[in-house]
Amino acid sequence: MDHLSYSYKKNFKIIGSAHNNKEIKIKELQKVDVIFLSSLFKHNNNYLGINKFKLLSNLTKKKIVALGGITNKNKKKLKLLNCFGFAGISYFE
């Protein structure tokens, strides 16, 4: 939480990433503005899927951005989620 001791510009947004409830709570304590919650579709150790993603995103009032494995084929499924947006490296390549 060292970043709380620094001053920053008025329009500066602090973002953080989380993979579970514990990490979401840590990000809230760090007073982030937006939480990247991953991995939504990418099958790896942090794979959430739609149902677990929805459960975790409902545990916070912070804006949630979906991250991980988003493609043109599964992008429509984002409408099922209450997320602020989505991000992904391979999607924009």
PDB file of N, CA and C in Angstrom:
ATOM      1  N   MET A   1       0.816  -1.193   0.000  1.00  0.00           N
ATOM      2  CA  MET A   1       0.000   0.000   0.000  1.00  0.00           C
ATOM      3  C   MET A   1       0.860   1.257   0.000  1.00  0.00           C
ATOM      4  N   ASP A   2       2.069   1.154  -0.483  1.00  0.00           N
ATOM      5  CA  ASP A   2       2.969   2.296  -0.512  1.00  0.00           C
ATOM      6  C   ASP A   2       2.449   3.434  -1.377  1.00  0.00           C
ATOM      7  N   HIS A   3       1.645   3.107  -2.387  1.00  0.00           N
ATOM      8  CA  HIS A   3       1.199   4.155  -3.297  1.00  0.00           C
ATOM      9  C   HIS A   3       0.325   5.200  -2.612  1.00  0.00           C
ATOM     10  N   LEU A   4      -0.270   4.883  -1.465  1.00  0.00           N
ATOM     11  CA  LEU A   4      -1.140   5.837  -0.775  1.00  0.00           C
ATOM     12  C   LEU A   4      -0.361   7.011  -0.195  1.00  0.00           C
ATOM     13  N   SER A   5       0.947   6.864  -0.047  1.00  0.00           N
ATOM     14  CA  SER A   5       1.754   7.938   0.509  1.00  0.00           C
ATOM     15  C   SER A   5       2.219   8.930  -0.559  1.00  0.00           C
ATOM     16  N   TYR A   6       1.962   8.623  -1.826  1.00  0.00           N
ATOM     17  CA  TYR A   6       2.376   9.500  -2.907  1.00  0.00           C
ATOM     18  C   TYR A   6       1.232  10.402  -3.340  1.00  0.00           C
ATOM     19  N   SER A   7       1.565  11.598  -3.776  1.00  0.00           N
ATOM     20  CA  SER A   7       0.536  12.452  -4.357  1.00  0.00           C
ATOM     21  C   SER A   7       0.522  12.197  -5.854  1.00  0.00           C
ATOM     22  N   TYR A   8      -0.643  12.348  -6.451  1.00  0.00           N
ATOM     23  CA  TYR A   8      -0.746  12.136  -7.883  1.00  0.00           C
ATOM     24  C   TYR A   8      -1.741  13.130  -8.462  1.00  0.00           C
ATOM     25  N   LYS A   9      -1.723  13.256  -9.778  1.00  0.00           N
ATOM     26  CA  LYS A   9      -2.550  14.243 -10.452  1.00  0.00           C
ATOM     27  C   LYS A   9      -4.029  13.968 -10.239  1.00  0.00           C
ATOM     28  N   LYS A  10      -4.846  14.979 -10.395  1.00  0.00           N
ATOM     29  CA  LYS A  10      -6.269  14.904 -10.119  1.00  0.00           C
ATOM     30  C   LYS A  10      -6.976  13.818 -10.942  1.00  0.00           C
ATOM     31  N   ASN A  11      -6.645  13.684 -12.211  1.00  0.00           N
ATOM     32  CA  ASN A  11      -7.319  12.718 -13.073  1.00  0.00           C
ATOM     33  C   ASN A  11      -6.610  11.371 -13.136  1.00  0.00           C
ATOM     34  N   PHE A  12      -5.657  11.154 -12.274  1.00  0.00           N
ATOM     35  CA  PHE A  12      -4.893   9.911 -12.238  1.00  0.00           C
ATOM     36  C   PHE A  12      -5.759   8.806 -11.640  1.00  0.00           C
ATOM     37  N   LYS A  13      -5.841   7.668 -12.315  1.00  0.00           N
ATOM     38  CA  LYS A  13      -6.637   6.532 -11.829  1.00  0.00           C
ATOM     39  C   LYS A  13      -5.701   5.412 -11.398  1.00  0.00           C
ATOM     40  N   ILE A  14      -5.997   4.820 -10.270  1.00  0.00           N
ATOM     41  CA  ILE A  14      -5.222   3.687  -9.783  1.00  0.00           C
ATOM     42  C   ILE A  14      -6.000   2.419 -10.131  1.00  0.00           C
ATOM     43  N   ILE A  15      -5.310   1.492 -10.808  1.00  0.00           N
ATOM     44  CA  ILE A  15      -5.939   0.235 -11.171  1.00  0.00           C
ATOM     45  C   ILE A  15      -5.160  -0.905 -10.535  1.00  0.00           C
ATOM     46  N   GLY A  16      -5.834  -2.028 -10.364  1.00  0.00           N
ATOM     47  CA  GLY A  16      -5.176  -3.199  -9.806  1.00  0.00           C
ATOM     48  C   GLY A  16      -5.820  -4.451 -10.349  1.00  0.00           C
ATOM     49  N   SER A  17      -5.119  -5.562 -10.237  1.00  0.00           N
ATOM     50  CA  SER A  17      -5.663  -6.827 -10.717  1.00  0.00           C
ATOM     51  C   SER A  17      -5.920  -7.764  -9.553  1.00  0.00           C
ATOM     52  N   ALA A  18      -6.927  -8.615  -9.737  1.00  0.00           N
ATOM     53  CA  ALA A  18      -7.292  -9.589  -8.712  1.00  0.00           C
ATOM     54  C   ALA A  18      -7.750 -10.877  -9.375  1.00  0.00           C
ATOM     55  N   HIS A  19      -7.614 -11.972  -8.629  1.00  0.00           N
ATOM     56  CA  HIS A  19      -8.027 -13.274  -9.132  1.00  0.00           C
ATOM     57  C   HIS A  19      -8.992 -13.977  -8.182  1.00  0.00           C
ATOM     58  N   ASN A  20      -9.178 -13.427  -6.983  1.00  0.00           N
ATOM     59  CA  ASN A  20     -10.051 -14.061  -5.994  1.00  0.00           C
ATOM     60  C   ASN A  20     -10.557 -13.011  -5.008  1.00  0.00           C
ATOM     61  N   ASN A  21     -11.388 -13.449  -4.070  1.00  0.00           N
ATOM     62  CA  ASN A  21     -11.999 -12.538  -3.106  1.00  0.00           C
ATOM     63  C   ASN A  21     -10.953 -11.845  -2.230  1.00  0.00           C
ATOM     64  N   LYS A  22      -9.951 -12.574  -1.782  1.00  0.00           N
ATOM     65  CA  LYS A  22      -8.907 -11.999  -0.929  1.00  0.00           C
ATOM     66  C   LYS A  22      -8.192 -10.853  -1.645  1.00  0.00           C
ATOM     67  N   GLU A  23      -7.852 -11.066  -2.909  1.00  0.00           N
ATOM     68  CA  GLU A  23      -7.153 -10.035  -3.673  1.00  0.00           C
ATOM     69  C   GLU A  23      -8.065  -8.838  -3.953  1.00  0.00           C
ATOM     70  N   ILE A  24      -9.356  -9.074  -4.135  1.00  0.00           N
ATOM     71  CA  ILE A  24     -10.309  -7.966  -4.316  1.00  0.00           C
ATOM     72  C   ILE A  24     -10.318  -7.087  -3.070  1.00  0.00           C
ATOM     73  N   LYS A  25     -10.372  -7.702  -1.901  1.00  0.00           N
ATOM     74  CA  LYS A  25     -10.375  -6.951  -0.644  1.00  0.00           C
ATOM     75  C   LYS A  25      -9.081  -6.157  -0.460  1.00  0.00           C
ATOM     76  N   ILE A  26      -7.954  -6.735  -0.876  1.00  0.00           N
ATOM     77  CA  ILE A  26      -6.679  -6.022  -0.799  1.00  0.00           C
ATOM     78  C   ILE A  26      -6.719  -4.789  -1.696  1.00  0.00           C
ATOM     79  N   LYS A  27      -7.255  -4.944  -2.899  1.00  0.00           N
ATOM     80  CA  LYS A  27      -7.349  -3.812  -3.837  1.00  0.00           C
ATOM     81  C   LYS A  27      -8.260  -2.723  -3.278  1.00  0.00           C
ATOM     82  N   GLU A  28      -9.325  -3.108  -2.595  1.00  0.00           N
ATOM     83  CA  GLU A  28     -10.196  -2.112  -1.969  1.00  0.00           C
ATOM     84  C   GLU A  28      -9.447  -1.349  -0.879  1.00  0.00           C
ATOM     85  N   LEU A  29      -8.652  -2.046  -0.091  1.00  0.00           N
ATOM     86  CA  LEU A  29      -7.844  -1.385   0.943  1.00  0.00           C
ATOM     87  C   LEU A  29      -6.809  -0.450   0.326  1.00  0.00           C
ATOM     88  N   GLN A  30      -6.330  -0.805  -0.866  1.00  0.00           N
ATOM     89  CA  GLN A  30      -5.369   0.036  -1.578  1.00  0.00           C
ATOM     90  C   GLN A  30      -6.056   1.198  -2.292  1.00  0.00           C
ATOM     91  N   LYS A  31      -7.367   1.257  -2.206  1.00  0.00           N
ATOM     92  CA  LYS A  31      -8.183   2.340  -2.765  1.00  0.00           C
ATOM     93  C   LYS A  31      -8.007   2.503  -4.280  1.00  0.00           C
ATOM     94  N   VAL A  32      -7.983   1.345  -4.965  1.00  0.00           N
ATOM     95  CA  VAL A  32      -7.920   1.413  -6.422  1.00  0.00           C
ATOM     96  C   VAL A  32      -9.257   1.908  -6.958  1.00  0.00           C
ATOM     97  N   ASP A  33      -9.241   2.480  -8.161  1.00  0.00           N
ATOM     98  CA  ASP A  33     -10.463   2.959  -8.795  1.00  0.00           C
ATOM     99  C   ASP A  33     -11.134   1.865  -9.625  1.00  0.00           C
ATOM    100  N   VAL A  34     -10.312   1.023 -10.238  1.00  0.00           N
ATOM    101  CA  VAL A  34     -10.800  -0.037 -11.124  1.00  0.00           C
ATOM    102  C   VAL A  34     -10.031  -1.312 -10.829  1.00  0.00           C
ATOM    103  N   ILE A  35     -10.748  -2.455 -10.844  1.00  0.00           N
ATOM    104  CA  ILE A  35     -10.113  -3.748 -10.620  1.00  0.00           C
ATOM    105  C   ILE A  35     -10.223  -4.584 -11.892  1.00  0.00           C
ATOM    106  N   PHE A  36      -9.073  -5.053 -12.378  1.00  0.00           N
ATOM    107  CA  PHE A  36      -9.041  -6.015 -13.474  1.00  0.00           C
ATOM    108  C   PHE A  36      -9.198  -7.394 -12.847  1.00  0.00           C
ATOM    109  N   LEU A  37     -10.263  -8.103 -13.211  1.00  0.00           N
ATOM    110  CA  LEU A  37     -10.536  -9.424 -12.651  1.00  0.00           C
ATOM    111  C   LEU A  37     -10.255 -10.468 -13.725  1.00  0.00           C
ATOM    112  N   SER A  38      -9.353 -11.389 -13.427  1.00  0.00           N
ATOM    113  CA  SER A  38      -8.957 -12.358 -14.453  1.00  0.00           C
ATOM    114  C   SER A  38      -8.799 -13.743 -13.836  1.00  0.00           C
ATOM    115  N   SER A  39      -8.792 -14.703 -14.580  1.00  0.00           N
ATOM    116  CA  SER A  39      -8.895 -14.774 -16.013  1.00  0.00           C
ATOM    117  C   SER A  39     -10.300 -15.268 -16.360  1.00  0.00           C
ATOM    118  N   LEU A  40     -11.009 -14.506 -17.162  1.00  0.00           N
ATOM    119  CA  LEU A  40     -12.400 -14.826 -17.461  1.00  0.00           C
ATOM    120  C   LEU A  40     -12.534 -16.074 -18.325  1.00  0.00           C
ATOM    121  N   PHE A  41     -11.936 -16.083 -19.502  1.00  0.00           N
ATOM    122  CA  PHE A  41     -12.078 -17.209 -20.423  1.00  0.00           C
ATOM    123  C   PHE A  41     -10.813 -18.039 -20.599  1.00  0.00           C
ATOM    124  N   LYS A  42      -9.645 -17.455 -20.362  1.00  0.00           N
ATOM    125  CA  LYS A  42      -8.391 -18.159 -20.603  1.00  0.00           C
ATOM    126  C   LYS A  42      -8.206 -19.273 -19.576  1.00  0.00           C
ATOM    127  N   HIS A  43      -8.071 -20.501 -20.052  1.00  0.00           N
ATOM    128  CA  HIS A  43      -7.928 -21.655 -19.165  1.00  0.00           C
ATOM    129  C   HIS A  43      -6.505 -21.740 -18.630  1.00  0.00           C
ATOM    130  N   ASN A  44      -6.317 -21.222 -17.426  1.00  0.00           N
ATOM    131  CA  ASN A  44      -5.027 -21.300 -16.744  1.00  0.00           C
ATOM    132  C   ASN A  44      -5.286 -21.495 -15.253  1.00  0.00           C
ATOM    133  N   ASN A  45      -4.305 -21.303 -14.423  1.00  0.00           N
ATOM    134  CA  ASN A  45      -4.479 -21.519 -12.981  1.00  0.00           C
ATOM    135  C   ASN A  45      -5.502 -20.582 -12.360  1.00  0.00           C
ATOM    136  N   ASN A  46      -5.701 -19.405 -12.966  1.00  0.00           N
ATOM    137  CA  ASN A  46      -6.626 -18.418 -12.409  1.00  0.00           C
ATOM    138  C   ASN A  46      -7.966 -18.378 -13.143  1.00  0.00           C
ATOM    139  N   TYR A  47      -8.260 -19.387 -13.960  1.00  0.00           N
ATOM    140  CA  TYR A  47      -9.482 -19.404 -14.760  1.00  0.00           C
ATOM    141  C   TYR A  47     -10.717 -19.300 -13.869  1.00  0.00           C
ATOM    142  N   LEU A  48     -11.598 -18.338 -14.186  1.00  0.00           N
ATOM    143  CA  LEU A  48     -12.807 -18.128 -13.401  1.00  0.00           C
ATOM    144  C   LEU A  48     -14.060 -18.652 -14.093  1.00  0.00           C
ATOM    145  N   GLY A  49     -14.223 -18.341 -15.354  1.00  0.00           N
ATOM    146  CA  GLY A  49     -15.477 -18.654 -16.032  1.00  0.00           C
ATOM    147  C   GLY A  49     -16.518 -17.600 -15.691  1.00  0.00           C
ATOM    148  N   ILE A  50     -17.646 -17.637 -16.382  1.00  0.00           N
ATOM    149  CA  ILE A  50     -18.668 -16.594 -16.229  1.00  0.00           C
ATOM    150  C   ILE A  50     -19.296 -16.599 -14.841  1.00  0.00           C
ATOM    151  N   ASN A  51     -19.681 -17.765 -14.330  1.00  0.00           N
ATOM    152  CA  ASN A  51     -20.379 -17.815 -13.036  1.00  0.00           C
ATOM    153  C   ASN A  51     -19.523 -17.321 -11.874  1.00  0.00           C
ATOM    154  N   LYS A  52     -18.298 -17.804 -11.775  1.00  0.00           N
ATOM    155  CA  LYS A  52     -17.425 -17.373 -10.680  1.00  0.00           C
ATOM    156  C   LYS A  52     -17.056 -15.895 -10.832  1.00  0.00           C
ATOM    157  N   PHE A  53     -16.873 -15.459 -12.087  1.00  0.00           N
ATOM    158  CA  PHE A  53     -16.589 -14.045 -12.339  1.00  0.00           C
ATOM    159  C   PHE A  53     -17.727 -13.179 -11.811  1.00  0.00           C
ATOM    160  N   LYS A  54     -18.972 -13.570 -12.111  1.00  0.00           N
ATOM    161  CA  LYS A  54     -20.130 -12.798 -11.633  1.00  0.00           C
ATOM    162  C   LYS A  54     -20.185 -12.763 -10.106  1.00  0.00           C
ATOM    163  N   LEU A  55     -19.937 -13.897  -9.479  1.00  0.00           N
ATOM    164  CA  LEU A  55     -19.955 -13.949  -8.011  1.00  0.00           C
ATOM    165  C   LEU A  55     -18.906 -13.021  -7.411  1.00  0.00           C
ATOM    166  N   LEU A  56     -17.693 -13.071  -7.947  1.00  0.00           N
ATOM    167  CA  LEU A  56     -16.618 -12.237  -7.419  1.00  0.00           C
ATOM    168  C   LEU A  56     -16.864 -10.754  -7.691  1.00  0.00           C
ATOM    169  N   SER A  57     -17.360 -10.430  -8.869  1.00  0.00           N
ATOM    170  CA  SER A  57     -17.574  -9.019  -9.197  1.00  0.00           C
ATOM    171  C   SER A  57     -18.688  -8.408  -8.357  1.00  0.00           C
ATOM    172  N   ASN A  58     -19.607  -9.230  -7.862  1.00  0.00           N
ATOM    173  CA  ASN A  58     -20.680  -8.726  -7.004  1.00  0.00           C
ATOM    174  C   ASN A  58     -20.229  -8.488  -5.565  1.00  0.00           C
ATOM    175  N   LEU A  59     -18.993  -8.865  -5.236  1.00  0.00           N
ATOM    176  CA  LEU A  59     -18.473  -8.685  -3.879  1.00  0.00           C
ATOM    177  C   LEU A  59     -17.887  -7.293  -3.650  1.00  0.00           C
ATOM    178  N   THR A  60     -17.868  -6.462  -4.678  1.00  0.00           N
ATOM    179  CA  THR A  60     -17.274  -5.135  -4.553  1.00  0.00           C
ATOM    180  C   THR A  60     -18.119  -4.094  -5.270  1.00  0.00           C
ATOM    181  N   LYS A  61     -17.992  -2.876  -4.834  1.00  0.00           N
ATOM    182  CA  LYS A  61     -18.668  -1.750  -5.499  1.00  0.00           C
ATOM    183  C   LYS A  61     -17.744  -1.093  -6.532  1.00  0.00           C
ATOM    184  N   LYS A  62     -16.484  -1.526  -6.582  1.00  0.00           N
ATOM    185  CA  LYS A  62     -15.518  -0.968  -7.535  1.00  0.00           C
ATOM    186  C   LYS A  62     -15.887  -1.366  -8.955  1.00  0.00           C
ATOM    187  N   LYS A  63     -15.423  -0.565  -9.922  1.00  0.00           N
ATOM    188  CA  LYS A  63     -15.618  -0.905 -11.324  1.00  0.00           C
ATOM    189  C   LYS A  63     -14.744  -2.107 -11.653  1.00  0.00           C
ATOM    190  N   ILE A  64     -15.321  -3.072 -12.375  1.00  0.00           N
ATOM    191  CA  ILE A  64     -14.626  -4.304 -12.723  1.00  0.00           C
ATOM    192  C   ILE A  64     -14.389  -4.362 -14.224  1.00  0.00           C
ATOM    193  N   VAL A  65     -13.168  -4.720 -14.615  1.00  0.00           N
ATOM    194  CA  VAL A  65     -12.815  -4.912 -16.022  1.00  0.00           C
ATOM    195  C   VAL A  65     -12.467  -6.383 -16.213  1.00  0.00           C
ATOM    196  N   ALA A  66     -13.120  -7.016 -17.183  1.00  0.00           N
ATOM    197  CA  ALA A  66     -12.868  -8.426 -17.488  1.00  0.00           C
ATOM    198  C   ALA A  66     -11.545  -8.552 -18.240  1.00  0.00           C
ATOM    199  N   LEU A  67     -10.789  -9.579 -17.912  1.00  0.00           N
ATOM    200  CA  LEU A  67      -9.470  -9.765 -18.510  1.00  0.00           C
ATOM    201  C   LEU A  67      -9.210 -11.250 -18.695  1.00  0.00           C
ATOM    202  N   GLY A  68      -8.643 -11.604 -19.843  1.00  0.00           N
ATOM    203  CA  GLY A  68      -8.176 -12.965 -20.051  1.00  0.00           C
ATOM    204  C   GLY A  68      -8.972 -13.807 -21.012  1.00  0.00           C
ATOM    205  N   GLY A  69      -8.402 -14.069 -22.173  1.00  0.00           N
ATOM    206  CA  GLY A  69      -8.989 -14.996 -23.132  1.00  0.00           C
ATOM    207  C   GLY A  69     -10.170 -14.460 -23.918  1.00  0.00           C
ATOM    208  N   ILE A  70     -10.345 -13.164 -23.975  1.00  0.00           N
ATOM    209  CA  ILE A  70     -11.489 -12.584 -24.682  1.00  0.00           C
ATOM    210  C   ILE A  70     -11.190 -12.547 -26.177  1.00  0.00           C
ATOM    211  N   THR A  71     -12.133 -13.089 -26.952  1.00  0.00           N
ATOM    212  CA  THR A  71     -12.015 -13.137 -28.403  1.00  0.00           C
ATOM    213  C   THR A  71     -13.291 -12.581 -29.026  1.00  0.00           C
ATOM    214  N   ASN A  72     -13.294 -12.439 -30.337  1.00  0.00           N
ATOM    215  CA  ASN A  72     -14.512 -12.004 -31.029  1.00  0.00           C
ATOM    216  C   ASN A  72     -15.642 -13.007 -30.829  1.00  0.00           C
ATOM    217  N   LYS A  73     -15.312 -14.288 -30.703  1.00  0.00           N
ATOM    218  CA  LYS A  73     -16.327 -15.327 -30.545  1.00  0.00           C
ATOM    219  C   LYS A  73     -17.018 -15.275 -29.178  1.00  0.00           C
ATOM    220  N   ASN A  74     -16.277 -14.971 -28.129  1.00  0.00           N
ATOM    221  CA  ASN A  74     -16.885 -14.972 -26.799  1.00  0.00           C
ATOM    222  C   ASN A  74     -17.171 -13.565 -26.260  1.00  0.00           C
ATOM    223  N   LYS A  75     -16.890 -12.544 -27.058  1.00  0.00           N
ATOM    224  CA  LYS A  75     -17.103 -11.160 -26.602  1.00  0.00           C
ATOM    225  C   LYS A  75     -18.574 -10.883 -26.270  1.00  0.00           C
ATOM    226  N   LYS A  76     -19.496 -11.522 -26.983  1.00  0.00           N
ATOM    227  CA  LYS A  76     -20.927 -11.315 -26.726  1.00  0.00           C
ATOM    228  C   LYS A  76     -21.334 -11.782 -25.330  1.00  0.00           C
ATOM    229  N   LYS A  77     -20.601 -12.733 -24.773  1.00  0.00           N
ATOM    230  CA  LYS A  77     -20.900 -13.240 -23.433  1.00  0.00           C
ATOM    231  C   LYS A  77     -20.648 -12.187 -22.360  1.00  0.00           C
ATOM    232  N   LEU A  78     -19.898 -11.149 -22.684  1.00  0.00           N
ATOM    233  CA  LEU A  78     -19.623 -10.088 -21.716  1.00  0.00           C
ATOM    234  C   LEU A  78     -20.897  -9.364 -21.308  1.00  0.00           C
ATOM    235  N   LYS A  79     -21.910  -9.409 -22.174  1.00  0.00           N
ATOM    236  CA  LYS A  79     -23.190  -8.771 -21.841  1.00  0.00           C
ATOM    237  C   LYS A  79     -23.873  -9.453 -20.658  1.00  0.00           C
ATOM    238  N   LEU A  80     -23.499 -10.699 -20.365  1.00  0.00           N
ATOM    239  CA  LEU A  80     -24.047 -11.419 -19.220  1.00  0.00           C
ATOM    240  C   LEU A  80     -23.448 -10.936 -17.906  1.00  0.00           C
ATOM    241  N   LEU A  81     -22.364 -10.195 -17.995  1.00  0.00           N
ATOM    242  CA  LEU A  81     -21.632  -9.757 -16.808  1.00  0.00           C
ATOM    243  C   LEU A  81     -21.904  -8.290 -16.519  1.00  0.00           C
ATOM    244  N   ASN A  82     -21.744  -7.941 -15.280  1.00  0.00           N
ATOM    245  CA  ASN A  82     -21.868  -6.541 -14.879  1.00  0.00           C
ATOM    246  C   ASN A  82     -20.461  -5.961 -14.784  1.00  0.00           C
ATOM    247  N   CYS A  83     -19.824  -5.805 -15.963  1.00  0.00           N
ATOM    248  CA  CYS A  83     -18.451  -5.308 -15.941  1.00  0.00           C
ATOM    249  C   CYS A  83     -18.374  -3.949 -16.637  1.00  0.00           C
ATOM    250  N   PHE A  84     -17.432  -3.168 -16.197  1.00  0.00           N
ATOM    251  CA  PHE A  84     -17.201  -1.815 -16.699  1.00  0.00           C
ATOM    252  C   PHE A  84     -16.609  -1.837 -18.103  1.00  0.00           C
ATOM    253  N   GLY A  85     -15.860  -2.881 -18.404  1.00  0.00           N
ATOM    254  CA  GLY A  85     -15.217  -3.012 -19.702  1.00  0.00           C
ATOM    255  C   GLY A  85     -14.430  -4.293 -19.779  1.00  0.00           C
ATOM    256  N   PHE A  86     -13.637  -4.423 -20.831  1.00  0.00           N
ATOM    257  CA  PHE A  86     -12.791  -5.593 -20.961  1.00  0.00           C
ATOM    258  C   PHE A  86     -11.443  -5.178 -21.518  1.00  0.00           C
ATOM    259  N   ALA A  87     -10.461  -6.032 -21.292  1.00  0.00           N
ATOM    260  CA  ALA A  87      -9.107  -5.769 -21.772  1.00  0.00           C
ATOM    261  C   ALA A  87      -8.471  -7.089 -22.151  1.00  0.00           C
ATOM    262  N   GLY A  88      -7.510  -7.010 -23.068  1.00  0.00           N
ATOM    263  CA  GLY A  88      -6.805  -8.213 -23.455  1.00  0.00           C
ATOM    264  C   GLY A  88      -5.738  -7.899 -24.475  1.00  0.00           C
ATOM    265  N   ILE A  89      -4.609  -8.494 -24.317  1.00  0.00           N
ATOM    266  CA  ILE A  89      -3.515  -8.235 -25.248  1.00  0.00           C
ATOM    267  C   ILE A  89      -3.791  -8.890 -26.593  1.00  0.00           C
ATOM    268  N   SER A  90      -4.135 -10.168 -26.590  1.00  0.00           N
ATOM    269  CA  SER A  90      -4.315 -10.879 -27.856  1.00  0.00           C
ATOM    270  C   SER A  90      -5.541 -10.379 -28.619  1.00  0.00           C
ATOM    271  N   TYR A  91      -6.548  -9.859 -27.926  1.00  0.00           N
ATOM    272  CA  TYR A  91      -7.749  -9.359 -28.607  1.00  0.00           C
ATOM    273  C   TYR A  91      -7.405  -8.176 -29.498  1.00  0.00           C
ATOM    274  N   PHE A  92      -6.511  -7.326 -29.059  1.00  0.00           N
ATOM    275  CA  PHE A  92      -6.193  -6.093 -29.785  1.00  0.00           C
ATOM    276  C   PHE A  92      -4.985  -6.224 -30.716  1.00  0.00           C
ATOM    277  N   GLU A  93      -4.384  -7.407 -30.790  1.00  0.00           N
ATOM    278  CA  GLU A  93      -3.228  -7.592 -31.663  1.00  0.00           C
ATOM    279  C   GLU A  93      -3.661  -7.720 -33.120  1.00  0.00           C
TER     280      GLU A  93
END
